[in-house]
Amino acid sequence: MSMGFIVGPLVVFMIFVAPLWLILHYRSKKHASEGLSGEDQQKLQELVARAEQMQERIVTLERILDAEVPQWRRKL
């Protein structure tokens, strides 16, 4: 009785879940090894450009604050 309770779900797992799991796992591995697509590469370049612009703005704002409120860094 107790063996039937374990064998049934084990058989279902081995027939349906395990093969599907392996197929999906190796498909995702293959997709990851291919690298970024052209669209993803373009998005990444846009994000890099935005980050550089933001860095320039931060530097500019820090210069303005340094000129107008010299002690602002100590207040943080």
C-alpha atoms as a PDB file:
ATOM      1  CA  MET A   1       0.000   0.000   0.000  1.00  0.00           C
ATOM      2  CA  SER A   2       2.698   2.475   0.928  1.00  0.00           C
ATOM      3  CA  MET A   3       4.797   1.614  -2.155  1.00  0.00           C
ATOM      4  CA  GLY A   4       1.877   2.429  -4.452  1.00  0.00           C
ATOM      5  CA  PHE A   5       1.572   5.787  -2.772  1.00  0.00           C
ATOM      6  CA  ILE A   6       5.176   6.612  -3.721  1.00  0.00           C
ATOM      7  CA  VAL A   7       5.417   4.850  -7.094  1.00  0.00           C
ATOM      8  CA  GLY A   8       2.489   6.691  -8.719  1.00  0.00           C
ATOM      9  CA  PRO A   9       3.819  10.246  -8.286  1.00  0.00           C
ATOM     10  CA  LEU A  10       7.350   9.042  -9.046  1.00  0.00           C
ATOM     11  CA  VAL A  11       6.244   7.569 -12.369  1.00  0.00           C
ATOM     12  CA  VAL A  12       4.347  10.747 -13.268  1.00  0.00           C
ATOM     13  CA  PHE A  13       7.416  12.791 -12.392  1.00  0.00           C
ATOM     14  CA  MET A  14       9.786  10.624 -14.441  1.00  0.00           C
ATOM     15  CA  ILE A  15       7.500  10.501 -17.500  1.00  0.00           C
ATOM     16  CA  PHE A  16       6.253  14.088 -17.660  1.00  0.00           C
ATOM     17  CA  VAL A  17       8.048  16.494 -15.361  1.00  0.00           C
ATOM     18  CA  ALA A  18      11.687  15.384 -15.627  1.00  0.00           C
ATOM     19  CA  PRO A  19      11.910  15.405 -19.469  1.00  0.00           C
ATOM     20  CA  LEU A  20      10.117  18.739 -19.695  1.00  0.00           C
ATOM     21  CA  TRP A  21      12.380  20.139 -17.009  1.00  0.00           C
ATOM     22  CA  LEU A  22      15.504  18.979 -18.852  1.00  0.00           C
ATOM     23  CA  ILE A  23      14.309  20.320 -22.206  1.00  0.00           C
ATOM     24  CA  LEU A  24      13.513  23.741 -20.768  1.00  0.00           C
ATOM     25  CA  HIS A  25      16.761  23.830 -18.804  1.00  0.00           C
ATOM     26  CA  TYR A  26      18.982  23.143 -21.797  1.00  0.00           C
ATOM     27  CA  ARG A  27      16.962  25.466 -24.031  1.00  0.00           C
ATOM     28  CA  SER A  28      17.543  28.309 -21.579  1.00  0.00           C
ATOM     29  CA  LYS A  29      21.248  27.415 -21.370  1.00  0.00           C
ATOM     30  CA  LYS A  30      21.499  27.572 -25.167  1.00  0.00           C
ATOM     31  CA  HIS A  31      19.673  30.903 -25.272  1.00  0.00           C
ATOM     32  CA  ALA A  32      21.947  32.361 -22.594  1.00  0.00           C
ATOM     33  CA  SER A  33      25.092  31.220 -24.375  1.00  0.00           C
ATOM     34  CA  GLU A  34      24.057  32.942 -27.602  1.00  0.00           C
ATOM     35  CA  GLY A  35      24.601  36.348 -26.011  1.00  0.00           C
ATOM     36  CA  LEU A  36      22.617  39.508 -26.486  1.00  0.00           C
ATOM     37  CA  SER A  37      20.356  39.982 -29.473  1.00  0.00           C
ATOM     38  CA  GLY A  38      20.704  43.032 -31.677  1.00  0.00           C
ATOM     39  CA  GLU A  39      17.777  44.723 -29.963  1.00  0.00           C
ATOM     40  CA  ASP A  40      19.187  43.983 -26.507  1.00  0.00           C
ATOM     41  CA  GLN A  41      22.583  45.309 -27.571  1.00  0.00           C
ATOM     42  CA  GLN A  42      20.964  48.529 -28.793  1.00  0.00           C
ATOM     43  CA  LYS A  43      19.045  48.955 -25.531  1.00  0.00           C
ATOM     44  CA  LEU A  44      22.238  48.410 -23.575  1.00  0.00           C
ATOM     45  CA  GLN A  45      24.041  51.084 -25.578  1.00  0.00           C
ATOM     46  CA  GLU A  46      21.169  53.517 -24.959  1.00  0.00           C
ATOM     47  CA  LEU A  47      21.315  52.813 -21.235  1.00  0.00           C
ATOM     48  CA  VAL A  48      25.069  53.397 -21.199  1.00  0.00           C
ATOM     49  CA  ALA A  49      24.590  56.736 -22.971  1.00  0.00           C
ATOM     50  CA  ARG A  50      21.892  57.770 -20.484  1.00  0.00           C
ATOM     51  CA  ALA A  51      24.081  56.791 -17.546  1.00  0.00           C
ATOM     52  CA  GLU A  52      26.935  58.903 -18.916  1.00  0.00           C
ATOM     53  CA  GLN A  53      24.593  61.883 -19.357  1.00  0.00           C
ATOM     54  CA  MET A  54      23.328  61.482 -15.806  1.00  0.00           C
ATOM     55  CA  GLN A  55      26.902  61.334 -14.498  1.00  0.00           C
ATOM     56  CA  GLU A  56      27.704  64.598 -16.298  1.00  0.00           C
ATOM     57  CA  ARG A  57      24.613  66.218 -14.807  1.00  0.00           C
ATOM     58  CA  ILE A  58      25.546  65.054 -11.321  1.00  0.00           C
ATOM     59  CA  VAL A  59      29.035  66.488 -11.672  1.00  0.00           C
ATOM     60  CA  THR A  60      27.568  69.787 -12.869  1.00  0.00           C
ATOM     61  CA  LEU A  61      25.100  69.920  -9.975  1.00  0.00           C
ATOM     62  CA  GLU A  62      27.863  69.176  -7.481  1.00  0.00           C
ATOM     63  CA  ARG A  63      29.940  72.025  -8.910  1.00  0.00           C
ATOM     64  CA  ILE A  64      26.972  74.398  -8.575  1.00  0.00           C
ATOM     65  CA  LEU A  65      26.361  73.290  -5.000  1.00  0.00           C
ATOM     66  CA  ASP A  66      30.058  73.619  -4.157  1.00  0.00           C
ATOM     67  CA  ALA A  67      29.994  77.204  -5.423  1.00  0.00           C
ATOM     68  CA  GLU A  68      26.732  78.227  -3.762  1.00  0.00           C
ATOM     69  CA  VAL A  69      26.737  76.143  -0.555  1.00  0.00           C
ATOM     70  CA  PRO A  70      30.301  75.077   0.259  1.00  0.00           C
ATOM     71  CA  GLN A  71      29.280  73.063   3.359  1.00  0.00           C
ATOM     72  CA  TRP A  72      26.604  70.950   1.672  1.00  0.00           C
ATOM     73  CA  ARG A  73      28.681  67.757   1.710  1.00  0.00           C
ATOM     74  CA  ARG A  74      29.222  67.983   5.475  1.00  0.00           C
ATOM     75  CA  LYS A  75      25.476  68.286   6.097  1.00  0.00           C
ATOM     76  CA  LEU A  76      24.845  64.836   4.656  1.00  0.00           C
END
